[in-house]
Amino acid sequence: NTAGEVVLQRDLSGHYRAEAFINGVRTPVMVDTGATDVAISTSLADKLGLRSINAIRTRTANGDTVSYMTRLESVKLGGIVAHDVAATITPGLGDEILLGMSFLGRMDVRLYKGTMTIRAAEE
């Protein structure tokens, strides 16, 4: 069953990048096991018409900032789909979308020699 499996190769900068569909909108993402939630930019949040639930203080690689909690209807990576995913709208993220643990934590994620394999976890 490869429909529920995505295999990514680490890029030259040491990151894993992919194309995902967030609420049906195709967007490049960086897979980030160090991010608590899926972190999306203000511009993508505006494009998706997302409303923030409340402001929270978050610690990012670029320092402390204020982010806004929201929920995503769906996050699709290859053949894997997760619904009702926690996310933060993070100003200053630029166009980078971080695919964090609110999505990855529902999956079976394996790292081996520069390859990341993400599978839909068995319910």
N, C-alpha and C. Protein backbone atom coordinates (compact mmCIF):
# COMPACT_ATOMS: atom_id res chain seq x y z
N ASN A 1 0.85 -1.20 0.00
CA ASN A 1 0.00 0.00 0.00
C ASN A 1 0.88 1.24 0.00
N THR A 2 1.22 1.74 -1.19
CA THR A 2 2.07 2.92 -1.28
C THR A 2 1.25 4.20 -1.32
N ALA A 3 -0.08 4.07 -1.42
CA ALA A 3 -0.92 5.26 -1.45
C ALA A 3 -0.80 6.03 -0.14
N GLY A 4 -0.70 5.28 0.96
CA GLY A 4 -0.59 5.91 2.27
C GLY A 4 0.84 6.05 2.74
N GLU A 5 1.78 6.25 1.79
CA GLU A 5 3.19 6.35 2.15
C GLU A 5 3.86 7.42 1.29
N VAL A 6 4.68 8.24 1.93
CA VAL A 6 5.44 9.27 1.23
C VAL A 6 6.90 9.10 1.61
N VAL A 7 7.77 9.08 0.61
CA VAL A 7 9.21 8.94 0.86
C VAL A 7 9.89 10.22 0.37
N LEU A 8 10.63 10.86 1.28
CA LEU A 8 11.32 12.12 0.97
C LEU A 8 12.82 11.95 1.16
N GLN A 9 13.57 12.61 0.30
CA GLN A 9 15.03 12.62 0.43
C GLN A 9 15.46 13.94 1.06
N ARG A 10 16.44 13.90 1.93
CA ARG A 10 16.96 15.11 2.55
C ARG A 10 17.63 15.95 1.46
N ASP A 11 17.37 17.26 1.47
CA ASP A 11 17.98 18.13 0.46
C ASP A 11 19.36 18.58 0.91
N LEU A 12 20.03 19.38 0.09
CA LEU A 12 21.40 19.79 0.38
C LEU A 12 21.51 20.62 1.66
N SER A 13 20.41 21.29 2.05
CA SER A 13 20.44 22.09 3.28
C SER A 13 20.11 21.24 4.51
N GLY A 14 19.87 19.95 4.30
CA GLY A 14 19.59 19.05 5.42
C GLY A 14 18.12 18.95 5.78
N HIS A 15 17.25 19.55 4.96
CA HIS A 15 15.82 19.55 5.25
C HIS A 15 15.06 18.60 4.32
N TYR A 16 13.86 18.28 4.76
CA TYR A 16 12.97 17.45 3.95
C TYR A 16 11.85 18.34 3.46
N ARG A 17 11.72 18.45 2.16
CA ARG A 17 10.70 19.32 1.57
C ARG A 17 9.75 18.50 0.71
N ALA A 18 8.52 18.98 0.61
CA ALA A 18 7.51 18.26 -0.16
C ALA A 18 6.45 19.25 -0.62
N GLU A 19 5.53 18.77 -1.44
CA GLU A 19 4.35 19.53 -1.82
C GLU A 19 3.19 18.96 -1.03
N ALA A 20 2.41 19.81 -0.42
CA ALA A 20 1.24 19.36 0.32
C ALA A 20 0.04 20.17 -0.13
N PHE A 21 -1.13 19.69 0.23
CA PHE A 21 -2.37 20.43 -0.02
C PHE A 21 -2.95 20.77 1.34
N ILE A 22 -3.03 22.07 1.63
CA ILE A 22 -3.61 22.53 2.89
C ILE A 22 -4.96 23.13 2.57
N ASN A 23 -6.02 22.53 3.12
CA ASN A 23 -7.40 22.91 2.78
C ASN A 23 -7.57 22.96 1.26
N GLY A 24 -6.93 22.03 0.57
CA GLY A 24 -7.08 21.92 -0.88
C GLY A 24 -6.16 22.81 -1.69
N VAL A 25 -5.38 23.67 -1.04
CA VAL A 25 -4.47 24.57 -1.75
C VAL A 25 -3.07 23.96 -1.76
N ARG A 26 -2.52 23.80 -2.97
CA ARG A 26 -1.20 23.20 -3.13
C ARG A 26 -0.14 24.19 -2.65
N THR A 27 0.77 23.71 -1.82
CA THR A 27 1.80 24.58 -1.27
C THR A 27 3.06 23.77 -0.94
N PRO A 28 4.24 24.35 -1.16
CA PRO A 28 5.45 23.67 -0.72
C PRO A 28 5.55 23.71 0.80
N VAL A 29 6.05 22.64 1.40
CA VAL A 29 6.19 22.57 2.86
C VAL A 29 7.58 22.05 3.21
N MET A 30 8.02 22.40 4.42
CA MET A 30 9.22 21.81 4.97
C MET A 30 8.76 20.94 6.14
N VAL A 31 9.13 19.67 6.10
CA VAL A 31 8.75 18.76 7.18
C VAL A 31 9.65 19.07 8.37
N ASP A 32 9.02 19.39 9.51
CA ASP A 32 9.77 19.85 10.68
C ASP A 32 9.29 19.13 11.93
N THR A 33 10.03 18.09 12.32
CA THR A 33 9.66 17.31 13.50
C THR A 33 9.86 18.13 14.78
N GLY A 34 10.55 19.27 14.69
CA GLY A 34 10.76 20.12 15.85
C GLY A 34 9.67 21.16 16.05
N ALA A 35 8.74 21.23 15.09
CA ALA A 35 7.64 22.19 15.20
C ALA A 35 6.44 21.49 15.84
N THR A 36 5.85 22.13 16.83
CA THR A 36 4.72 21.54 17.54
C THR A 36 3.52 21.37 16.61
N ASP A 37 3.19 22.43 15.89
CA ASP A 37 2.03 22.42 15.01
C ASP A 37 2.46 22.63 13.57
N VAL A 38 1.50 22.52 12.68
CA VAL A 38 1.72 22.98 11.32
C VAL A 38 1.76 24.50 11.42
N ALA A 39 2.84 25.11 10.96
CA ALA A 39 2.97 26.57 11.03
C ALA A 39 2.82 27.14 9.62
N ILE A 40 1.87 28.05 9.47
CA ILE A 40 1.63 28.62 8.15
C ILE A 40 1.83 30.13 8.18
N SER A 41 2.15 30.65 7.02
CA SER A 41 2.41 32.07 6.90
C SER A 41 1.11 32.86 6.93
N THR A 42 1.24 34.14 7.23
CA THR A 42 0.07 35.03 7.23
C THR A 42 -0.54 35.10 5.83
N SER A 43 0.32 35.11 4.80
CA SER A 43 -0.21 35.22 3.43
C SER A 43 -1.03 33.99 3.05
N LEU A 44 -0.57 32.78 3.45
CA LEU A 44 -1.36 31.58 3.14
C LEU A 44 -2.64 31.57 3.97
N ALA A 45 -2.56 32.00 5.22
CA ALA A 45 -3.75 32.05 6.07
C ALA A 45 -4.80 32.97 5.44
N ASP A 46 -4.34 34.11 4.92
CA ASP A 46 -5.26 35.04 4.24
C ASP A 46 -5.88 34.39 3.01
N LYS A 47 -5.04 33.70 2.23
CA LYS A 47 -5.51 33.05 1.01
C LYS A 47 -6.56 31.98 1.33
N LEU A 48 -6.36 31.27 2.45
CA LEU A 48 -7.27 30.21 2.86
C LEU A 48 -8.48 30.75 3.63
N GLY A 49 -8.44 32.03 3.99
CA GLY A 49 -9.54 32.62 4.77
C GLY A 49 -9.62 32.07 6.18
N LEU A 50 -8.46 31.76 6.78
CA LEU A 50 -8.45 31.18 8.12
C LEU A 50 -8.68 32.25 9.18
N ARG A 51 -9.39 31.88 10.21
CA ARG A 51 -9.60 32.78 11.35
C ARG A 51 -8.77 32.27 12.52
N SER A 52 -8.14 33.18 13.22
CA SER A 52 -7.35 32.75 14.37
C SER A 52 -8.25 32.60 15.58
N ILE A 53 -7.95 31.62 16.41
CA ILE A 53 -8.74 31.34 17.61
C ILE A 53 -8.24 32.23 18.74
N ASN A 54 -6.93 32.21 18.99
CA ASN A 54 -6.35 33.12 19.99
C ASN A 54 -4.86 33.24 19.79
N ALA A 55 -4.28 34.29 20.35
CA ALA A 55 -2.85 34.54 20.20
C ALA A 55 -2.08 33.75 21.26
N ILE A 56 -0.93 33.23 20.87
CA ILE A 56 -0.06 32.52 21.80
C ILE A 56 1.37 32.96 21.55
N ARG A 57 2.19 32.87 22.58
CA ARG A 57 3.62 33.17 22.42
C ARG A 57 4.29 31.89 21.96
N THR A 58 5.06 31.98 20.88
CA THR A 58 5.75 30.79 20.38
C THR A 58 7.24 31.06 20.26
N ARG A 59 8.01 30.00 20.40
CA ARG A 59 9.46 30.09 20.26
C ARG A 59 9.82 29.45 18.93
N THR A 60 10.46 30.21 18.07
CA THR A 60 10.86 29.69 16.76
C THR A 60 12.37 29.72 16.64
N ALA A 61 12.87 29.17 15.55
CA ALA A 61 14.31 29.21 15.29
C ALA A 61 14.79 30.65 15.20
N ASN A 62 13.88 31.57 14.83
CA ASN A 62 14.25 32.98 14.69
C ASN A 62 13.97 33.78 15.96
N GLY A 63 13.62 33.12 17.05
CA GLY A 63 13.36 33.82 18.30
C GLY A 63 11.89 33.75 18.69
N ASP A 64 11.54 34.44 19.77
CA ASP A 64 10.17 34.42 20.27
C ASP A 64 9.29 35.32 19.42
N THR A 65 8.05 34.91 19.23
CA THR A 65 7.10 35.67 18.43
C THR A 65 5.70 35.38 18.93
N VAL A 66 4.74 36.08 18.39
CA VAL A 66 3.34 35.80 18.70
C VAL A 66 2.73 35.12 17.48
N SER A 67 2.08 34.01 17.71
CA SER A 67 1.40 33.28 16.64
C SER A 67 -0.07 33.19 16.99
N TYR A 68 -0.86 32.73 16.04
CA TYR A 68 -2.31 32.67 16.22
C TYR A 68 -2.78 31.26 15.94
N MET A 69 -3.45 30.68 16.93
CA MET A 69 -3.93 29.30 16.79
C MET A 69 -5.09 29.25 15.81
N THR A 70 -5.13 28.17 15.03
CA THR A 70 -6.23 27.94 14.10
C THR A 70 -6.35 26.44 13.88
N ARG A 71 -7.34 26.03 13.11
CA ARG A 71 -7.50 24.61 12.75
C ARG A 71 -7.56 24.53 11.23
N LEU A 72 -6.95 23.50 10.69
CA LEU A 72 -6.99 23.26 9.25
C LEU A 72 -7.97 22.13 8.98
N GLU A 73 -8.84 22.33 7.99
CA GLU A 73 -9.80 21.27 7.64
C GLU A 73 -9.06 20.02 7.21
N SER A 74 -8.04 20.19 6.37
CA SER A 74 -7.32 19.01 5.88
C SER A 74 -5.89 19.36 5.51
N VAL A 75 -5.02 18.39 5.74
CA VAL A 75 -3.64 18.46 5.28
C VAL A 75 -3.39 17.16 4.54
N LYS A 76 -3.01 17.28 3.26
CA LYS A 76 -2.79 16.11 2.42
C LYS A 76 -1.36 16.11 1.95
N LEU A 77 -0.68 15.00 2.17
CA LEU A 77 0.70 14.81 1.74
C LEU A 77 0.73 13.50 0.98
N GLY A 78 0.94 13.58 -0.33
CA GLY A 78 0.84 12.37 -1.15
C GLY A 78 -0.55 11.78 -1.00
N GLY A 79 -0.63 10.50 -0.66
CA GLY A 79 -1.92 9.84 -0.46
C GLY A 79 -2.41 9.88 0.98
N ILE A 80 -1.70 10.62 1.84
CA ILE A 80 -2.04 10.67 3.26
C ILE A 80 -2.84 11.94 3.55
N VAL A 81 -3.98 11.78 4.22
CA VAL A 81 -4.79 12.94 4.57
C VAL A 81 -5.09 12.92 6.06
N ALA A 82 -4.94 14.08 6.69
CA ALA A 82 -5.36 14.25 8.09
C ALA A 82 -6.37 15.39 8.12
N HIS A 83 -7.41 15.21 8.93
CA HIS A 83 -8.46 16.23 9.04
C HIS A 83 -8.40 16.90 10.41
N ASP A 84 -8.87 18.14 10.46
CA ASP A 84 -8.95 18.92 11.71
C ASP A 84 -7.59 18.95 12.41
N VAL A 85 -6.63 19.57 11.73
CA VAL A 85 -5.24 19.61 12.20
C VAL A 85 -4.96 20.96 12.87
N ALA A 86 -4.39 20.94 14.07
CA ALA A 86 -4.00 22.17 14.76
C ALA A 86 -2.90 22.86 13.97
N ALA A 87 -2.99 24.19 13.90
CA ALA A 87 -1.98 24.95 13.17
C ALA A 87 -1.79 26.30 13.85
N THR A 88 -0.69 26.94 13.54
CA THR A 88 -0.47 28.31 13.99
C THR A 88 -0.21 29.17 12.77
N ILE A 89 -0.82 30.34 12.78
CA ILE A 89 -0.52 31.35 11.77
C ILE A 89 0.65 32.13 12.36
N THR A 90 1.78 32.08 11.69
CA THR A 90 3.01 32.62 12.25
C THR A 90 3.54 33.76 11.38
N PRO A 91 3.31 35.00 11.81
CA PRO A 91 3.85 36.14 11.06
C PRO A 91 5.38 36.04 11.00
N GLY A 92 5.95 36.49 9.91
CA GLY A 92 7.40 36.44 9.78
C GLY A 92 7.91 35.12 9.25
N LEU A 93 7.01 34.21 8.94
CA LEU A 93 7.42 32.91 8.41
C LEU A 93 7.76 33.03 6.93
N GLY A 94 7.39 34.14 6.32
CA GLY A 94 7.60 34.26 4.87
C GLY A 94 6.65 33.31 4.18
N ASP A 95 7.12 32.65 3.14
CA ASP A 95 6.25 31.71 2.44
C ASP A 95 6.50 30.28 2.89
N GLU A 96 7.34 30.12 3.90
CA GLU A 96 7.66 28.77 4.38
C GLU A 96 6.51 28.22 5.20
N ILE A 97 6.09 27.02 4.88
CA ILE A 97 5.08 26.32 5.66
C ILE A 97 5.80 25.17 6.35
N LEU A 98 5.66 25.08 7.67
CA LEU A 98 6.31 24.00 8.42
C LEU A 98 5.28 22.92 8.72
N LEU A 99 5.55 21.72 8.27
CA LEU A 99 4.66 20.59 8.53
C LEU A 99 5.13 19.98 9.84
N GLY A 100 4.49 20.38 10.94
CA GLY A 100 4.94 19.99 12.27
C GLY A 100 4.21 18.79 12.84
N MET A 101 4.37 18.62 14.15
CA MET A 101 3.91 17.42 14.83
C MET A 101 2.39 17.28 14.94
N SER A 102 1.64 18.38 14.80
CA SER A 102 0.17 18.21 14.84
C SER A 102 -0.29 17.36 13.66
N PHE A 103 0.50 17.32 12.58
CA PHE A 103 0.25 16.41 11.45
C PHE A 103 1.10 15.14 11.61
N LEU A 104 2.41 15.31 11.79
CA LEU A 104 3.32 14.16 11.81
C LEU A 104 3.06 13.21 12.98
N GLY A 105 2.56 13.74 14.10
CA GLY A 105 2.30 12.91 15.27
C GLY A 105 1.21 11.88 15.05
N ARG A 106 0.42 12.06 14.00
CA ARG A 106 -0.62 11.08 13.66
C ARG A 106 -0.09 10.01 12.72
N MET A 107 1.17 10.16 12.31
CA MET A 107 1.75 9.28 11.29
C MET A 107 2.82 8.39 11.89
N ASP A 108 3.25 7.43 11.08
CA ASP A 108 4.40 6.59 11.38
C ASP A 108 5.54 7.21 10.58
N VAL A 109 6.48 7.87 11.26
CA VAL A 109 7.57 8.58 10.59
C VAL A 109 8.89 7.88 10.90
N ARG A 110 9.62 7.55 9.84
CA ARG A 110 10.92 6.89 10.03
C ARG A 110 12.00 7.65 9.28
N LEU A 111 13.15 7.81 9.93
CA LEU A 111 14.31 8.45 9.32
C LEU A 111 15.41 7.42 9.21
N TYR A 112 16.00 7.33 8.03
CA TYR A 112 17.10 6.39 7.86
C TYR A 112 17.99 6.86 6.72
N LYS A 113 19.24 7.17 7.03
CA LYS A 113 20.25 7.52 6.03
C LYS A 113 19.76 8.56 5.01
N GLY A 114 19.22 9.67 5.49
CA GLY A 114 18.82 10.74 4.59
C GLY A 114 17.50 10.55 3.89
N THR A 115 16.76 9.52 4.31
CA THR A 115 15.43 9.27 3.74
C THR A 115 14.40 9.32 4.86
N MET A 116 13.32 10.05 4.64
CA MET A 116 12.21 10.10 5.59
C MET A 116 11.02 9.39 4.95
N THR A 117 10.48 8.41 5.66
CA THR A 117 9.30 7.70 5.18
C THR A 117 8.15 8.04 6.12
N ILE A 118 7.09 8.57 5.55
CA ILE A 118 5.91 8.94 6.33
C ILE A 118 4.77 8.04 5.88
N ARG A 119 4.17 7.34 6.83
CA ARG A 119 3.04 6.45 6.51
C ARG A 119 1.84 6.86 7.35
N ALA A 120 0.66 6.66 6.79
CA ALA A 120 -0.55 6.84 7.57
C ALA A 120 -0.52 5.77 8.65
N ALA A 121 -0.69 6.15 9.90
CA ALA A 121 -0.65 5.20 11.00
C ALA A 121 -1.90 4.34 10.96
N GLU A 122 -1.75 3.10 11.36
CA GLU A 122 -2.91 2.20 11.42
C GLU A 122 -3.80 2.66 12.56
N GLU A 123 -5.08 2.76 12.27
CA GLU A 123 -6.03 3.21 13.33
C GLU A 123 -6.25 2.11 14.33
